[in-house]
Amino acid sequence: MKAFILAAGKGKRLKPITNNIPKPLIEIKGKPLLEWSLIKLRSAGVKEIVINLHYLGDQIVDYFGNGKKLDLKINYSFEKRLLGTGGALIQGKNFLNDSPFLLISGDLWTDYPFKRLLSKDLKNKAHLVLIKKNDKNIGDFNLLDSKISSDTRDREFTYSGISLIDPGVIPLGKASNKELWNDVLKPLVKENQITGEVFHGLVKNVNEVSDIEELDLAITE
């Protein structure tokens, strides 16, 4: 199974830290954020990675190269302009095959066991890993019989940034600015084609300096 990592963003909320470095290369416990994910993916059994790039993307290529040092094969999908989380998949689709792939946010640190998704038999169009809403995130979904629902008022969960995707959901044609949820997945929710699971472990999207500080304290490995 392949993994697609979204790493093109500008990291505006982390300026001035991201003035000269892309967010995925910010160090957590002496190691770039993206490297943590790559190592965990390799340990789970992923061999091939696709990373989309835009802002200061050359630095990511310079650091990881073709992935050989991590015993991985890394392909890069460069975006001349930001295409959004959905548009990124359209442009990078040529690096994928017909099998489901892992989709992961490049600004994510987690102890989620990726191997769980590698062994999952995806019978629907996508499977999202959810986390409970808290002070920093607003609930977007509920789960009804393991199916994602966004129609209920009291939305208890939000998207973690980790999912298993059937490449057949990626729109055809020329890459344009699209968002994964609104433009690709949301129409499938009403067809009961999106499943989900709740993860109660550590999931941290690095968006603020305080997130970096919290991770430095939380990570013991």
C-alpha atoms as a PDB file:
ATOM      1  CA  MET A   1       0.000   0.000   0.000  1.00  0.00           C
ATOM      2  CA  LYS A   2       1.141   3.537  -0.802  1.00  0.00           C
ATOM      3  CA  ALA A   3       0.801   6.643   1.337  1.00  0.00           C
ATOM      4  CA  PHE A   4       0.117  10.198   0.171  1.00  0.00           C
ATOM      5  CA  ILE A   5       1.334  12.975   2.470  1.00  0.00           C
ATOM      6  CA  LEU A   6      -0.040  16.502   2.137  1.00  0.00           C
ATOM      7  CA  ALA A   7       2.912  18.846   2.692  1.00  0.00           C
ATOM      8  CA  ALA A   8       2.362  21.844   0.405  1.00  0.00           C
ATOM      9  CA  GLY A   9       0.963  24.421   2.840  1.00  0.00           C
ATOM     10  CA  LYS A  10       2.606  27.697   3.824  1.00  0.00           C
ATOM     11  CA  GLY A  11       2.278  27.303   7.594  1.00  0.00           C
ATOM     12  CA  LYS A  12       1.132  30.901   8.013  1.00  0.00           C
ATOM     13  CA  ARG A  13       0.023  30.451  11.613  1.00  0.00           C
ATOM     14  CA  LEU A  14       3.548  29.403  12.575  1.00  0.00           C
ATOM     15  CA  LYS A  15       5.335  32.469  11.244  1.00  0.00           C
ATOM     16  CA  PRO A  16       8.050  33.632  11.814  1.00  0.00           C
ATOM     17  CA  ILE A  17       9.240  30.025  12.322  1.00  0.00           C
ATOM     18  CA  THR A  18       8.050  29.114   8.828  1.00  0.00           C
ATOM     19  CA  ASN A  19       9.549  32.156   7.124  1.00  0.00           C
ATOM     20  CA  ASN A  20      12.538  30.078   6.053  1.00  0.00           C
ATOM     21  CA  ILE A  21      11.474  26.487   6.637  1.00  0.00           C
ATOM     22  CA  PRO A  22       8.401  24.500   5.558  1.00  0.00           C
ATOM     23  CA  LYS A  23       6.222  23.300   8.419  1.00  0.00           C
ATOM     24  CA  PRO A  24       6.899  19.567   7.814  1.00  0.00           C
ATOM     25  CA  LEU A  25      10.597  20.187   8.556  1.00  0.00           C
ATOM     26  CA  ILE A  26      10.019  21.805  11.939  1.00  0.00           C
ATOM     27  CA  GLU A  27      11.901  19.703  14.466  1.00  0.00           C
ATOM     28  CA  ILE A  28      10.121  17.835  17.224  1.00  0.00           C
ATOM     29  CA  LYS A  29      12.497  16.192  19.701  1.00  0.00           C
ATOM     30  CA  GLY A  30      15.381  16.784  17.278  1.00  0.00           C
ATOM     31  CA  LYS A  31      13.668  15.200  14.273  1.00  0.00           C
ATOM     32  CA  PRO A  32      11.609  16.851  11.479  1.00  0.00           C
ATOM     33  CA  LEU A  33       7.874  16.396  11.914  1.00  0.00           C
ATOM     34  CA  LEU A  34       7.582  14.683   8.527  1.00  0.00           C
ATOM     35  CA  GLU A  35      10.374  12.237   9.340  1.00  0.00           C
ATOM     36  CA  TRP A  36       8.422  10.937  12.334  1.00  0.00           C
ATOM     37  CA  SER A  37       5.538  10.026  10.003  1.00  0.00           C
ATOM     38  CA  LEU A  38       7.778   8.451   7.385  1.00  0.00           C
ATOM     39  CA  ILE A  39       9.459   6.219   9.948  1.00  0.00           C
ATOM     40  CA  LYS A  40       6.113   5.127  11.395  1.00  0.00           C
ATOM     41  CA  LEU A  41       4.741   4.395   7.912  1.00  0.00           C
ATOM     42  CA  ARG A  42       7.801   2.319   7.031  1.00  0.00           C
ATOM     43  CA  SER A  43       7.482   0.380  10.282  1.00  0.00           C
ATOM     44  CA  ALA A  44       3.841  -0.350   9.420  1.00  0.00           C
ATOM     45  CA  GLY A  45       4.842  -1.804   6.057  1.00  0.00           C
ATOM     46  CA  VAL A  46       4.462   1.113   3.648  1.00  0.00           C
ATOM     47  CA  LYS A  47       7.197   1.124   1.018  1.00  0.00           C
ATOM     48  CA  GLU A  48       6.220   3.932  -1.345  1.00  0.00           C
ATOM     49  CA  ILE A  49       5.308   7.518  -0.477  1.00  0.00           C
ATOM     50  CA  VAL A  50       3.901  10.411  -2.507  1.00  0.00           C
ATOM     51  CA  ILE A  51       4.427  13.906  -1.088  1.00  0.00           C
ATOM     52  CA  ASN A  52       2.838  17.013  -2.596  1.00  0.00           C
ATOM     53  CA  LEU A  53       4.940  20.167  -2.371  1.00  0.00           C
ATOM     54  CA  HIS A  54       4.637  23.901  -2.900  1.00  0.00           C
ATOM     55  CA  TYR A  55       5.969  26.260  -0.234  1.00  0.00           C
ATOM     56  CA  LEU A  56       9.760  25.796   0.178  1.00  0.00           C
ATOM     57  CA  GLY A  57       9.296  22.297  -1.172  1.00  0.00           C
ATOM     58  CA  ASP A  58      12.880  22.074  -2.408  1.00  0.00           C
ATOM     59  CA  GLN A  59      14.015  21.906   1.218  1.00  0.00           C
ATOM     60  CA  ILE A  60      11.929  18.771   1.743  1.00  0.00           C
ATOM     61  CA  VAL A  61      13.413  17.182  -1.383  1.00  0.00           C
ATOM     62  CA  ASP A  62      16.924  18.113  -0.282  1.00  0.00           C
ATOM     63  CA  TYR A  63      16.368  16.553   3.131  1.00  0.00           C
ATOM     64  CA  PHE A  64      14.653  13.286   2.168  1.00  0.00           C
ATOM     65  CA  GLY A  65      15.764  12.817  -1.435  1.00  0.00           C
ATOM     66  CA  ASN A  66      14.361   9.684  -3.032  1.00  0.00           C
ATOM     67  CA  GLY A  67      13.780   8.128   0.382  1.00  0.00           C
ATOM     68  CA  LYS A  68      16.559   5.558   0.119  1.00  0.00           C
ATOM     69  CA  LYS A  69      18.110   6.543   3.468  1.00  0.00           C
ATOM     70  CA  LEU A  70      14.827   5.656   5.151  1.00  0.00           C
ATOM     71  CA  ASP A  71      14.392   2.489   3.081  1.00  0.00           C
ATOM     72  CA  LEU A  72      11.471   4.095   1.234  1.00  0.00           C
ATOM     73  CA  LYS A  73      10.684   5.197  -2.298  1.00  0.00           C
ATOM     74  CA  ILE A  74       9.508   8.816  -2.317  1.00  0.00           C
ATOM     75  CA  ASN A  75       7.860  10.561  -5.262  1.00  0.00           C
ATOM     76  CA  TYR A  76       7.137  14.287  -5.223  1.00  0.00           C
ATOM     77  CA  SER A  77       4.175  16.088  -6.766  1.00  0.00           C
ATOM     78  CA  PHE A  78       5.078  19.767  -7.195  1.00  0.00           C
ATOM     79  CA  GLU A  79       2.289  22.359  -7.299  1.00  0.00           C
ATOM     80  CA  LYS A  80       3.023  25.678  -9.019  1.00  0.00           C
ATOM     81  CA  ARG A  81       0.084  27.065  -7.064  1.00  0.00           C
ATOM     82  CA  LEU A  82      -1.665  25.560  -4.095  1.00  0.00           C
ATOM     83  CA  LEU A  83      -4.361  23.172  -5.275  1.00  0.00           C
ATOM     84  CA  GLY A  84      -6.014  22.345  -1.952  1.00  0.00           C
ATOM     85  CA  THR A  85      -6.288  18.909  -0.392  1.00  0.00           C
ATOM     86  CA  GLY A  86      -8.495  17.611  -3.205  1.00  0.00           C
ATOM     87  CA  GLY A  87      -6.597  19.197  -6.070  1.00  0.00           C
ATOM     88  CA  ALA A  88      -3.387  17.725  -4.675  1.00  0.00           C
ATOM     89  CA  LEU A  89      -4.803  14.238  -5.191  1.00  0.00           C
ATOM     90  CA  ILE A  90      -5.875  15.022  -8.752  1.00  0.00           C
ATOM     91  CA  GLN A  91      -2.367  16.167  -9.680  1.00  0.00           C
ATOM     92  CA  GLY A  92      -0.653  13.346  -7.798  1.00  0.00           C
ATOM     93  CA  LYS A  93      -2.959  10.589  -9.023  1.00  0.00           C
ATOM     94  CA  ASN A  94      -0.391   9.352 -11.558  1.00  0.00           C
ATOM     95  CA  PHE A  95       1.830   8.270  -8.666  1.00  0.00           C
ATOM     96  CA  LEU A  96      -0.925   6.057  -7.267  1.00  0.00           C
ATOM     97  CA  ASN A  97      -2.399   2.795  -8.528  1.00  0.00           C
ATOM     98  CA  ASP A  98      -5.873   1.258  -8.314  1.00  0.00           C
ATOM     99  CA  SER A  99      -5.458   0.133  -4.709  1.00  0.00           C
ATOM    100  CA  PRO A 100      -6.561   2.119  -1.626  1.00  0.00           C
ATOM    101  CA  PHE A 101      -3.909   4.424  -0.214  1.00  0.00           C
ATOM    102  CA  LEU A 102      -3.220   6.092   3.111  1.00  0.00           C
ATOM    103  CA  LEU A 103      -3.709   9.858   3.174  1.00  0.00           C
ATOM    104  CA  ILE A 104      -1.942  11.770   5.923  1.00  0.00           C
ATOM    105  CA  SER A 105      -1.483  15.436   6.787  1.00  0.00           C
ATOM    106  CA  GLY A 106       2.148  16.506   6.663  1.00  0.00           C
ATOM    107  CA  ASP A 107       1.853  18.619   9.826  1.00  0.00           C
ATOM    108  CA  LEU A 108       0.717  15.686  11.934  1.00  0.00           C
ATOM    109  CA  TRP A 109       2.326  13.832  14.851  1.00  0.00           C
ATOM    110  CA  THR A 110       0.472  10.763  16.026  1.00  0.00           C
ATOM    111  CA  ASP A 111       0.906   7.400  17.679  1.00  0.00           C
ATOM    112  CA  TYR A 112      -1.946   5.969  15.609  1.00  0.00           C
ATOM    113  CA  PRO A 113      -1.050   2.397  14.487  1.00  0.00           C
ATOM    114  CA  PHE A 114      -0.948   2.797  10.690  1.00  0.00           C
ATOM    115  CA  LYS A 115      -0.742  -0.979  10.318  1.00  0.00           C
ATOM    116  CA  ARG A 116      -4.423  -1.081  11.257  1.00  0.00           C
ATOM    117  CA  LEU A 117      -5.311   0.664   8.000  1.00  0.00           C
ATOM    118  CA  LEU A 118      -2.928  -1.408   5.907  1.00  0.00           C
ATOM    119  CA  SER A 119      -4.814  -4.541   6.861  1.00  0.00           C
ATOM    120  CA  LYS A 120      -8.280  -3.004   6.488  1.00  0.00           C
ATOM    121  CA  ASP A 121     -10.562  -4.279   3.746  1.00  0.00           C
ATOM    122  CA  LEU A 122     -11.982  -1.025   2.370  1.00  0.00           C
ATOM    123  CA  LYS A 123     -15.495  -1.862   1.224  1.00  0.00           C
ATOM    124  CA  ASN A 124     -16.609   1.767   0.861  1.00  0.00           C
ATOM    125  CA  LYS A 125     -15.043   4.822  -0.770  1.00  0.00           C
ATOM    126  CA  ALA A 126     -13.075   6.102   2.218  1.00  0.00           C
ATOM    127  CA  HIS A 127     -12.412   5.432   5.879  1.00  0.00           C
ATOM    128  CA  LEU A 128     -11.603   8.362   8.178  1.00  0.00           C
ATOM    129  CA  VAL A 129      -9.851   8.299  11.534  1.00  0.00           C
ATOM    130  CA  LEU A 130     -11.681  10.667  13.864  1.00  0.00           C
ATOM    131  CA  ILE A 131     -10.848  12.289  17.186  1.00  0.00           C
ATOM    132  CA  LYS A 132     -13.177  13.746  19.789  1.00  0.00           C
ATOM    133  CA  LYS A 133     -13.722  17.486  19.611  1.00  0.00           C
ATOM    134  CA  ASN A 134     -11.987  19.616  22.220  1.00  0.00           C
ATOM    135  CA  ASP A 135     -11.190  23.254  22.983  1.00  0.00           C
ATOM    136  CA  LYS A 136      -9.034  23.536  19.847  1.00  0.00           C
ATOM    137  CA  ASN A 137     -11.292  21.853  17.321  1.00  0.00           C
ATOM    138  CA  ILE A 138     -14.983  21.988  16.521  1.00  0.00           C
ATOM    139  CA  GLY A 139     -16.954  18.823  15.942  1.00  0.00           C
ATOM    140  CA  ASP A 140     -17.683  18.051  12.291  1.00  0.00           C
ATOM    141  CA  PHE A 141     -19.132  14.528  12.297  1.00  0.00           C
ATOM    142  CA  ASN A 142     -20.904  11.821  14.153  1.00  0.00           C
ATOM    143  CA  LEU A 143     -20.677   8.081  13.638  1.00  0.00           C
ATOM    144  CA  LEU A 144     -23.833   6.083  13.020  1.00  0.00           C
ATOM    145  CA  ASP A 145     -23.199   2.348  12.674  1.00  0.00           C
ATOM    146  CA  SER A 146     -19.569   3.144  11.718  1.00  0.00           C
ATOM    147  CA  LYS A 147     -20.753   5.464   8.916  1.00  0.00           C
ATOM    148  CA  ILE A 148     -19.822   9.150   8.860  1.00  0.00           C
ATOM    149  CA  SER A 149     -22.745  11.501   9.384  1.00  0.00           C
ATOM    150  CA  SER A 150     -22.628  15.301   9.290  1.00  0.00           C
ATOM    151  CA  ASP A 151     -26.381  15.937   9.520  1.00  0.00           C
ATOM    152  CA  THR A 152     -26.800  15.731  13.290  1.00  0.00           C
ATOM    153  CA  ARG A 153     -26.649  18.858  15.452  1.00  0.00           C
ATOM    154  CA  ASP A 154     -24.322  17.584  18.149  1.00  0.00           C
ATOM    155  CA  ARG A 155     -21.265  16.674  16.118  1.00  0.00           C
ATOM    156  CA  GLU A 156     -18.958  14.834  18.454  1.00  0.00           C
ATOM    157  CA  PHE A 157     -15.878  14.173  16.307  1.00  0.00           C
ATOM    158  CA  THR A 158     -13.477  15.849  13.907  1.00  0.00           C
ATOM    159  CA  TYR A 159     -11.103  14.541  11.241  1.00  0.00           C
ATOM    160  CA  SER A 160      -7.659  13.576  12.509  1.00  0.00           C
ATOM    161  CA  GLY A 161      -5.808  14.025   9.221  1.00  0.00           C
ATOM    162  CA  ILE A 162      -5.510  10.260   8.671  1.00  0.00           C
ATOM    163  CA  SER A 163      -7.618   8.270   6.220  1.00  0.00           C
ATOM    164  CA  LEU A 164      -7.760   5.349   3.830  1.00  0.00           C
ATOM    165  CA  ILE A 165      -8.954   6.397   0.365  1.00  0.00           C
ATOM    166  CA  ASP A 166     -10.172   4.539  -2.706  1.00  0.00           C
ATOM    167  CA  PRO A 167      -8.398   6.279  -5.632  1.00  0.00           C
ATOM    168  CA  GLY A 168     -11.613   5.952  -7.613  1.00  0.00           C
ATOM    169  CA  VAL A 169     -13.021   8.946  -5.703  1.00  0.00           C
ATOM    170  CA  ILE A 170     -10.356  11.281  -7.109  1.00  0.00           C
ATOM    171  CA  PRO A 171     -11.955  13.502  -9.768  1.00  0.00           C
ATOM    172  CA  LEU A 172     -10.772  13.051 -13.330  1.00  0.00           C
ATOM    173  CA  GLY A 173      -9.347  15.804 -15.496  1.00  0.00           C
ATOM    174  CA  LYS A 174      -6.915  18.652 -15.030  1.00  0.00           C
ATOM    175  CA  ALA A 175      -5.886  19.534 -11.488  1.00  0.00           C
ATOM    176  CA  SER A 176      -7.755  22.501 -10.052  1.00  0.00           C
ATOM    177  CA  ASN A 177      -8.290  23.927  -6.596  1.00  0.00           C
ATOM    178  CA  LYS A 178     -10.509  21.504  -4.690  1.00  0.00           C
ATOM    179  CA  GLU A 179     -10.900  20.509  -1.068  1.00  0.00           C
ATOM    180  CA  LEU A 180     -10.963  16.861  -0.046  1.00  0.00           C
ATOM    181  CA  TRP A 181     -13.997  17.127   2.209  1.00  0.00           C
ATOM    182  CA  ASN A 182     -16.314  19.602   0.477  1.00  0.00           C
ATOM    183  CA  ASP A 183     -15.563  18.666  -3.127  1.00  0.00           C
ATOM    184  CA  VAL A 184     -14.692  14.967  -2.943  1.00  0.00           C
ATOM    185  CA  LEU A 185     -15.927  13.185   0.184  1.00  0.00           C
ATOM    186  CA  LYS A 186     -18.960  15.144   1.378  1.00  0.00           C
ATOM    187  CA  PRO A 187     -21.189  14.117  -1.564  1.00  0.00           C
ATOM    188  CA  LEU A 188     -20.425  10.472  -0.726  1.00  0.00           C
ATOM    189  CA  VAL A 189     -21.546  10.799   2.896  1.00  0.00           C
ATOM    190  CA  LYS A 190     -25.205  10.927   1.891  1.00  0.00           C
ATOM    191  CA  GLU A 191     -24.659   7.691  -0.020  1.00  0.00           C
ATOM    192  CA  ASN A 192     -23.263   6.035   3.156  1.00  0.00           C
ATOM    193  CA  GLN A 193     -19.949   5.496   1.371  1.00  0.00           C
ATOM    194  CA  ILE A 194     -17.670   6.959   4.070  1.00  0.00           C
ATOM    195  CA  THR A 195     -16.887   4.970   7.199  1.00  0.00           C
ATOM    196  CA  GLY A 196     -14.967   6.028  10.260  1.00  0.00           C
ATOM    197  CA  GLU A 197     -13.353   5.017  13.524  1.00  0.00           C
ATOM    198  CA  VAL A 198     -12.524   6.976  16.657  1.00  0.00           C
ATOM    199  CA  PHE A 199      -8.926   7.113  17.873  1.00  0.00           C
ATOM    200  CA  HIS A 200      -8.286   8.031  21.495  1.00  0.00           C
ATOM    201  CA  GLY A 201      -4.482   8.223  21.331  1.00  0.00           C
ATOM    202  CA  LEU A 202      -2.243  11.179  20.545  1.00  0.00           C
ATOM    203  CA  VAL A 203      -2.999  13.189  17.417  1.00  0.00           C
ATOM    204  CA  LYS A 204      -1.502  16.642  17.131  1.00  0.00           C
ATOM    205  CA  ASN A 205      -1.659  18.953  14.123  1.00  0.00           C
ATOM    206  CA  VAL A 206       1.152  21.450  14.521  1.00  0.00           C
ATOM    207  CA  ASN A 207      -0.423  24.847  13.891  1.00  0.00           C
ATOM    208  CA  GLU A 208       0.908  26.955  16.756  1.00  0.00           C
ATOM    209  CA  VAL A 209       4.111  27.276  18.767  1.00  0.00           C
ATOM    210  CA  SER A 210       2.261  25.818  21.754  1.00  0.00           C
ATOM    211  CA  ASP A 211       1.661  22.626  19.731  1.00  0.00           C
ATOM    212  CA  ILE A 212       5.417  22.175  19.308  1.00  0.00           C
ATOM    213  CA  GLU A 213       5.975  22.715  23.015  1.00  0.00           C
ATOM    214  CA  GLU A 214       3.221  20.244  23.940  1.00  0.00           C
ATOM    215  CA  LEU A 215       4.681  17.569  21.674  1.00  0.00           C
ATOM    216  CA  ASP A 216       8.157  18.021  23.097  1.00  0.00           C
ATOM    217  CA  LEU A 217       6.683  17.252  26.520  1.00  0.00           C
ATOM    218  CA  ALA A 218       4.388  14.445  25.386  1.00  0.00           C
ATOM    219  CA  ILE A 219       6.783  12.388  23.266  1.00  0.00           C
ATOM    220  CA  THR A 220       8.827   9.937  25.278  1.00  0.00           C
ATOM    221  CA  GLU A 221      10.143   7.662  22.494  1.00  0.00           C
END
